[in-house]
């Protein structure tokens, strides 16, 4: 729960900081690194689920496509050279949804033989 609070605090600070000075701050790089790192971890979770048999091939394909959509959204957000606070919050929400889907698919009754 404290992890959620820290994320909420970080994004609240981002939104409050304004977009004019946002591009020059190290916080921009931190947000981009966080998004990239989280994306890598989620892809690793999918790979681990395939390896362990917790994910079937169709589940893994669906989850992989969702990760690709998140990556495209990140690319669109970075297209102007920075991720705005609003874009950062939107990416975080997309990653939250993707993370929950990965968890549900890995823990459902379907397994790969």
N, C-alpha and C. Protein backbone atom coordinates (compact mmCIF):
# COMPACT_ATOMS: atom_id res chain seq x y z
N UNK A 1 0.82 -1.20 0.00
CA UNK A 1 0.00 0.00 0.00
C UNK A 1 0.86 1.26 0.00
N UNK A 2 1.98 1.22 0.71
CA UNK A 2 2.85 2.39 0.73
C UNK A 2 3.44 2.64 -0.64
N UNK A 3 3.66 1.57 -1.43
CA UNK A 3 4.16 1.72 -2.79
C UNK A 3 3.17 2.51 -3.63
N UNK A 4 1.89 2.21 -3.47
CA UNK A 4 0.84 2.95 -4.18
C UNK A 4 0.85 4.41 -3.77
N UNK A 5 1.02 4.67 -2.47
CA UNK A 5 1.05 6.04 -1.99
C UNK A 5 2.23 6.80 -2.58
N UNK A 6 3.38 6.16 -2.65
CA UNK A 6 4.56 6.84 -3.19
C UNK A 6 4.37 7.15 -4.67
N UNK A 7 3.73 6.23 -5.41
CA UNK A 7 3.47 6.48 -6.83
C UNK A 7 2.49 7.63 -6.98
N UNK A 8 1.46 7.63 -6.15
CA UNK A 8 0.47 8.70 -6.21
C UNK A 8 1.11 10.04 -5.89
N UNK A 9 1.98 10.05 -4.88
CA UNK A 9 2.67 11.28 -4.52
C UNK A 9 3.56 11.76 -5.66
N UNK A 10 4.30 10.84 -6.27
CA UNK A 10 5.18 11.21 -7.38
C UNK A 10 4.38 11.85 -8.51
N UNK A 11 3.28 11.25 -8.89
CA UNK A 11 2.51 11.79 -10.00
C UNK A 11 1.76 13.05 -9.62
N UNK A 12 1.40 13.20 -8.36
CA UNK A 12 0.80 14.45 -7.91
C UNK A 12 1.82 15.58 -8.03
N UNK A 13 3.05 15.30 -7.64
CA UNK A 13 4.11 16.30 -7.76
C UNK A 13 4.37 16.63 -9.23
N UNK A 14 4.32 15.62 -10.08
CA UNK A 14 4.53 15.87 -11.50
C UNK A 14 3.45 16.79 -12.07
N UNK A 15 2.22 16.52 -11.71
CA UNK A 15 1.11 17.32 -12.22
C UNK A 15 1.22 18.74 -11.68
N UNK A 16 1.60 18.89 -10.42
CA UNK A 16 1.70 20.21 -9.82
C UNK A 16 2.89 21.01 -10.35
N UNK A 17 3.91 20.33 -10.86
CA UNK A 17 5.12 21.03 -11.28
C UNK A 17 4.93 21.85 -12.55
N UNK A 18 3.95 21.54 -13.34
CA UNK A 18 3.72 22.28 -14.57
C UNK A 18 4.57 21.76 -15.71
N UNK A 19 4.13 21.98 -16.93
CA UNK A 19 4.81 21.40 -18.08
C UNK A 19 5.91 22.29 -18.63
N UNK A 20 5.96 23.56 -18.30
CA UNK A 20 6.97 24.43 -18.89
C UNK A 20 8.37 24.10 -18.40
N UNK A 21 8.52 23.76 -17.14
CA UNK A 21 9.84 23.41 -16.61
C UNK A 21 10.06 21.91 -16.56
N UNK A 22 9.07 21.17 -16.92
CA UNK A 22 9.12 19.71 -16.81
C UNK A 22 10.22 19.11 -17.68
N UNK A 23 10.44 19.62 -18.87
CA UNK A 23 11.39 19.02 -19.80
C UNK A 23 12.82 19.14 -19.30
N UNK A 24 13.12 20.14 -18.51
CA UNK A 24 14.49 20.35 -18.06
C UNK A 24 14.82 19.58 -16.79
N UNK A 25 13.88 19.02 -16.11
CA UNK A 25 14.14 18.42 -14.81
C UNK A 25 14.58 16.97 -14.93
N UNK A 26 15.36 16.51 -13.96
CA UNK A 26 15.74 15.10 -13.94
C UNK A 26 14.53 14.20 -13.68
N UNK A 27 13.45 14.79 -13.19
CA UNK A 27 12.24 14.02 -12.93
C UNK A 27 11.69 13.43 -14.22
N UNK A 28 11.84 14.12 -15.34
CA UNK A 28 11.40 13.60 -16.63
C UNK A 28 12.09 12.29 -16.94
N UNK A 29 13.40 12.28 -16.75
CA UNK A 29 14.16 11.07 -17.01
C UNK A 29 13.74 9.96 -16.05
N UNK A 30 13.45 10.31 -14.81
CA UNK A 30 13.04 9.31 -13.84
C UNK A 30 11.72 8.66 -14.25
N UNK A 31 10.79 9.46 -14.74
CA UNK A 31 9.50 8.92 -15.17
C UNK A 31 9.70 7.99 -16.36
N UNK A 32 10.51 8.41 -17.33
CA UNK A 32 10.75 7.59 -18.51
C UNK A 32 11.42 6.27 -18.12
N UNK A 33 12.39 6.34 -17.20
CA UNK A 33 13.07 5.12 -16.75
C UNK A 33 12.11 4.20 -16.02
N UNK A 34 11.24 4.79 -15.20
CA UNK A 34 10.27 3.98 -14.45
C UNK A 34 9.33 3.26 -15.40
N UNK A 35 8.84 3.96 -16.41
CA UNK A 35 7.93 3.35 -17.38
C UNK A 35 8.64 2.21 -18.11
N UNK A 36 9.86 2.46 -18.56
CA UNK A 36 10.62 1.44 -19.27
C UNK A 36 10.91 0.23 -18.38
N UNK A 37 11.32 0.50 -17.15
CA UNK A 37 11.65 -0.60 -16.23
C UNK A 37 10.42 -1.44 -15.92
N UNK A 38 9.31 -0.78 -15.71
CA UNK A 38 8.09 -1.52 -15.40
C UNK A 38 7.64 -2.35 -16.60
N UNK A 39 7.78 -1.79 -17.78
CA UNK A 39 7.43 -2.52 -19.00
C UNK A 39 8.29 -3.78 -19.11
N UNK A 40 9.58 -3.65 -18.84
CA UNK A 40 10.49 -4.81 -18.88
C UNK A 40 10.08 -5.87 -17.87
N UNK A 41 9.74 -5.44 -16.66
CA UNK A 41 9.34 -6.40 -15.62
C UNK A 41 8.06 -7.13 -16.01
N UNK A 42 7.11 -6.42 -16.62
CA UNK A 42 5.86 -7.08 -17.00
C UNK A 42 6.10 -8.08 -18.13
N UNK A 43 6.96 -7.74 -19.07
CA UNK A 43 7.28 -8.69 -20.13
C UNK A 43 7.99 -9.91 -19.56
N UNK A 44 8.82 -9.68 -18.56
CA UNK A 44 9.51 -10.79 -17.90
C UNK A 44 8.51 -11.69 -17.17
N UNK A 45 7.50 -11.10 -16.55
CA UNK A 45 6.46 -11.89 -15.87
C UNK A 45 5.71 -12.76 -16.87
N UNK A 46 5.45 -12.23 -18.06
CA UNK A 46 4.78 -13.02 -19.09
C UNK A 46 5.67 -14.18 -19.51
N UNK A 47 6.95 -13.90 -19.75
CA UNK A 47 7.89 -14.95 -20.13
C UNK A 47 7.99 -16.03 -19.05
N UNK A 48 8.01 -15.62 -17.79
CA UNK A 48 8.07 -16.58 -16.70
C UNK A 48 6.80 -17.44 -16.65
N UNK A 49 5.66 -16.82 -16.94
CA UNK A 49 4.41 -17.57 -16.95
C UNK A 49 4.38 -18.60 -18.06
N UNK A 50 4.94 -18.27 -19.20
CA UNK A 50 5.02 -19.22 -20.31
C UNK A 50 5.95 -20.36 -19.93
N UNK A 51 7.10 -20.02 -19.35
CA UNK A 51 8.09 -21.04 -18.96
C UNK A 51 7.53 -22.00 -17.92
N UNK A 52 6.78 -21.48 -16.97
CA UNK A 52 6.26 -22.32 -15.89
C UNK A 52 5.00 -23.08 -16.30
N UNK A 53 4.38 -22.68 -17.40
CA UNK A 53 3.15 -23.33 -17.84
C UNK A 53 1.90 -22.66 -17.28
N UNK A 54 2.08 -21.59 -16.52
CA UNK A 54 0.93 -20.88 -15.94
C UNK A 54 0.15 -20.12 -17.00
N UNK A 55 0.79 -19.80 -18.12
CA UNK A 55 0.12 -19.10 -19.22
C UNK A 55 0.05 -20.00 -20.43
N UNK A 56 -1.10 -20.05 -21.04
CA UNK A 56 -1.25 -20.79 -22.30
C UNK A 56 -0.75 -19.89 -23.43
N UNK A 57 -0.57 -20.46 -24.60
CA UNK A 57 -0.09 -19.69 -25.75
C UNK A 57 -1.04 -18.55 -26.11
N UNK A 58 -2.36 -18.79 -26.16
CA UNK A 58 -3.26 -17.67 -26.48
C UNK A 58 -3.22 -16.55 -25.41
N UNK A 59 -3.11 -16.94 -24.14
CA UNK A 59 -3.02 -15.93 -23.08
C UNK A 59 -1.76 -15.10 -23.25
N UNK A 60 -0.65 -15.77 -23.52
CA UNK A 60 0.62 -15.07 -23.69
C UNK A 60 0.57 -14.13 -24.89
N UNK A 61 -0.07 -14.56 -25.98
CA UNK A 61 -0.19 -13.69 -27.15
C UNK A 61 -1.01 -12.44 -26.83
N UNK A 62 -2.14 -12.64 -26.14
CA UNK A 62 -2.97 -11.49 -25.77
C UNK A 62 -2.21 -10.52 -24.87
N UNK A 63 -1.53 -11.07 -23.88
CA UNK A 63 -0.77 -10.22 -22.96
C UNK A 63 0.37 -9.52 -23.68
N UNK A 64 1.00 -10.21 -24.61
CA UNK A 64 2.07 -9.60 -25.40
C UNK A 64 1.56 -8.46 -26.26
N UNK A 65 0.38 -8.65 -26.85
CA UNK A 65 -0.21 -7.57 -27.65
C UNK A 65 -0.53 -6.36 -26.77
N UNK A 66 -1.00 -6.63 -25.56
CA UNK A 66 -1.30 -5.53 -24.64
C UNK A 66 -0.02 -4.77 -24.29
N UNK A 67 1.08 -5.48 -24.07
CA UNK A 67 2.34 -4.83 -23.78
C UNK A 67 2.80 -3.99 -24.98
N UNK A 68 2.55 -4.49 -26.17
CA UNK A 68 2.91 -3.73 -27.37
C UNK A 68 2.08 -2.44 -27.46
N UNK A 69 0.81 -2.52 -27.08
CA UNK A 69 -0.03 -1.31 -27.08
C UNK A 69 0.49 -0.29 -26.07
N UNK A 70 0.91 -0.76 -24.90
CA UNK A 70 1.47 0.15 -23.90
C UNK A 70 2.75 0.78 -24.44
N UNK A 71 3.58 0.00 -25.10
CA UNK A 71 4.83 0.52 -25.67
C UNK A 71 4.54 1.57 -26.74
N UNK A 72 3.51 1.33 -27.57
CA UNK A 72 3.15 2.33 -28.58
C UNK A 72 2.65 3.61 -27.92
N UNK A 73 1.88 3.48 -26.85
CA UNK A 73 1.40 4.66 -26.13
C UNK A 73 2.57 5.44 -25.54
N UNK A 74 3.56 4.71 -25.04
CA UNK A 74 4.75 5.37 -24.51
C UNK A 74 5.50 6.10 -25.63
N UNK A 75 5.63 5.47 -26.78
CA UNK A 75 6.30 6.12 -27.91
C UNK A 75 5.57 7.38 -28.35
N UNK A 76 4.24 7.33 -28.35
CA UNK A 76 3.47 8.53 -28.70
C UNK A 76 3.69 9.63 -27.66
N UNK A 77 3.75 9.23 -26.38
CA UNK A 77 3.95 10.22 -25.32
C UNK A 77 5.33 10.86 -25.42
N UNK A 78 6.33 10.08 -25.83
CA UNK A 78 7.70 10.58 -25.94
C UNK A 78 7.98 11.25 -27.27
N UNK A 79 7.04 11.27 -28.18
CA UNK A 79 7.27 11.78 -29.53
C UNK A 79 7.71 13.24 -29.55
N UNK A 80 7.27 14.03 -28.59
CA UNK A 80 7.65 15.43 -28.55
C UNK A 80 8.89 15.67 -27.69
N UNK A 81 9.54 14.60 -27.26
CA UNK A 81 10.78 14.73 -26.51
C UNK A 81 10.62 14.67 -25.00
N UNK A 82 9.41 14.60 -24.53
CA UNK A 82 9.20 14.52 -23.08
C UNK A 82 7.87 13.83 -22.80
N UNK A 83 7.75 13.34 -21.59
CA UNK A 83 6.48 12.78 -21.13
C UNK A 83 5.89 13.78 -20.16
N UNK A 84 4.73 14.29 -20.49
CA UNK A 84 4.07 15.26 -19.61
C UNK A 84 3.51 14.53 -18.39
N UNK A 85 3.23 15.25 -17.34
CA UNK A 85 2.64 14.62 -16.15
C UNK A 85 1.34 13.88 -16.46
N UNK A 86 0.52 14.45 -17.31
CA UNK A 86 -0.74 13.80 -17.68
C UNK A 86 -0.48 12.50 -18.42
N UNK A 87 0.50 12.52 -19.33
CA UNK A 87 0.86 11.31 -20.07
C UNK A 87 1.44 10.26 -19.13
N UNK A 88 2.23 10.70 -18.16
CA UNK A 88 2.82 9.77 -17.20
C UNK A 88 1.74 9.06 -16.39
N UNK A 89 0.74 9.80 -15.98
CA UNK A 89 -0.36 9.20 -15.21
C UNK A 89 -1.13 8.21 -16.09
N UNK A 90 -1.37 8.57 -17.34
CA UNK A 90 -2.09 7.68 -18.25
C UNK A 90 -1.30 6.40 -18.49
N UNK A 91 0.02 6.52 -18.67
CA UNK A 91 0.85 5.33 -18.87
C UNK A 91 0.84 4.45 -17.62
N UNK A 92 0.91 5.08 -16.46
CA UNK A 92 0.88 4.33 -15.20
C UNK A 92 -0.43 3.54 -15.08
N UNK A 93 -1.54 4.16 -15.42
CA UNK A 93 -2.83 3.47 -15.36
C UNK A 93 -2.88 2.30 -16.33
N UNK A 94 -2.37 2.51 -17.56
CA UNK A 94 -2.34 1.41 -18.54
C UNK A 94 -1.50 0.25 -18.03
N UNK A 95 -0.38 0.59 -17.40
CA UNK A 95 0.48 -0.46 -16.88
C UNK A 95 -0.16 -1.17 -15.69
N UNK A 96 -0.93 -0.44 -14.90
CA UNK A 96 -1.66 -1.06 -13.78
C UNK A 96 -2.66 -2.09 -14.31
N UNK A 97 -3.39 -1.71 -15.35
CA UNK A 97 -4.38 -2.62 -15.94
C UNK A 97 -3.68 -3.85 -16.51
N UNK A 98 -2.58 -3.62 -17.23
CA UNK A 98 -1.83 -4.73 -17.82
C UNK A 98 -1.29 -5.66 -16.73
N UNK A 99 -0.82 -5.09 -15.64
CA UNK A 99 -0.27 -5.89 -14.55
C UNK A 99 -1.36 -6.77 -13.93
N UNK A 100 -2.53 -6.20 -13.72
CA UNK A 100 -3.64 -6.99 -13.17
C UNK A 100 -4.03 -8.13 -14.11
N UNK A 101 -4.02 -7.86 -15.41
CA UNK A 101 -4.37 -8.91 -16.38
C UNK A 101 -3.33 -10.02 -16.37
N UNK A 102 -2.07 -9.66 -16.26
CA UNK A 102 -1.02 -10.68 -16.19
C UNK A 102 -1.25 -11.55 -14.97
N UNK A 103 -1.49 -10.93 -13.83
CA UNK A 103 -1.73 -11.68 -12.60
C UNK A 103 -2.92 -12.63 -12.75
N UNK A 104 -4.03 -12.11 -13.25
CA UNK A 104 -5.24 -12.93 -13.39
C UNK A 104 -5.02 -14.11 -14.32
N UNK A 105 -4.35 -13.87 -15.43
CA UNK A 105 -4.12 -14.96 -16.38
C UNK A 105 -3.16 -16.00 -15.83
N UNK A 106 -2.17 -15.56 -15.07
CA UNK A 106 -1.22 -16.52 -14.51
C UNK A 106 -1.84 -17.35 -13.40
N UNK A 107 -2.87 -16.81 -12.75
CA UNK A 107 -3.46 -17.49 -11.61
C UNK A 107 -4.84 -18.08 -11.88
N UNK A 108 -5.24 -18.14 -13.14
CA UNK A 108 -6.53 -18.75 -13.45
C UNK A 108 -6.35 -20.26 -13.56
N UNK A 109 -7.42 -20.95 -13.86
CA UNK A 109 -7.40 -22.41 -13.88
C UNK A 109 -6.73 -22.97 -15.13
N UNK A 110 -6.53 -22.17 -16.14
CA UNK A 110 -5.93 -22.66 -17.38
C UNK A 110 -4.42 -22.77 -17.22
N UNK A 111 -3.91 -23.92 -17.62
CA UNK A 111 -2.46 -24.12 -17.63
C UNK A 111 -2.06 -24.81 -18.92
N UNK A 112 -0.80 -24.67 -19.24
CA UNK A 112 -0.28 -25.33 -20.42
C UNK A 112 0.18 -26.72 -19.99
N UNK A 113 -0.18 -27.74 -20.76
CA UNK A 113 0.24 -29.10 -20.37
C UNK A 113 1.75 -29.29 -20.43
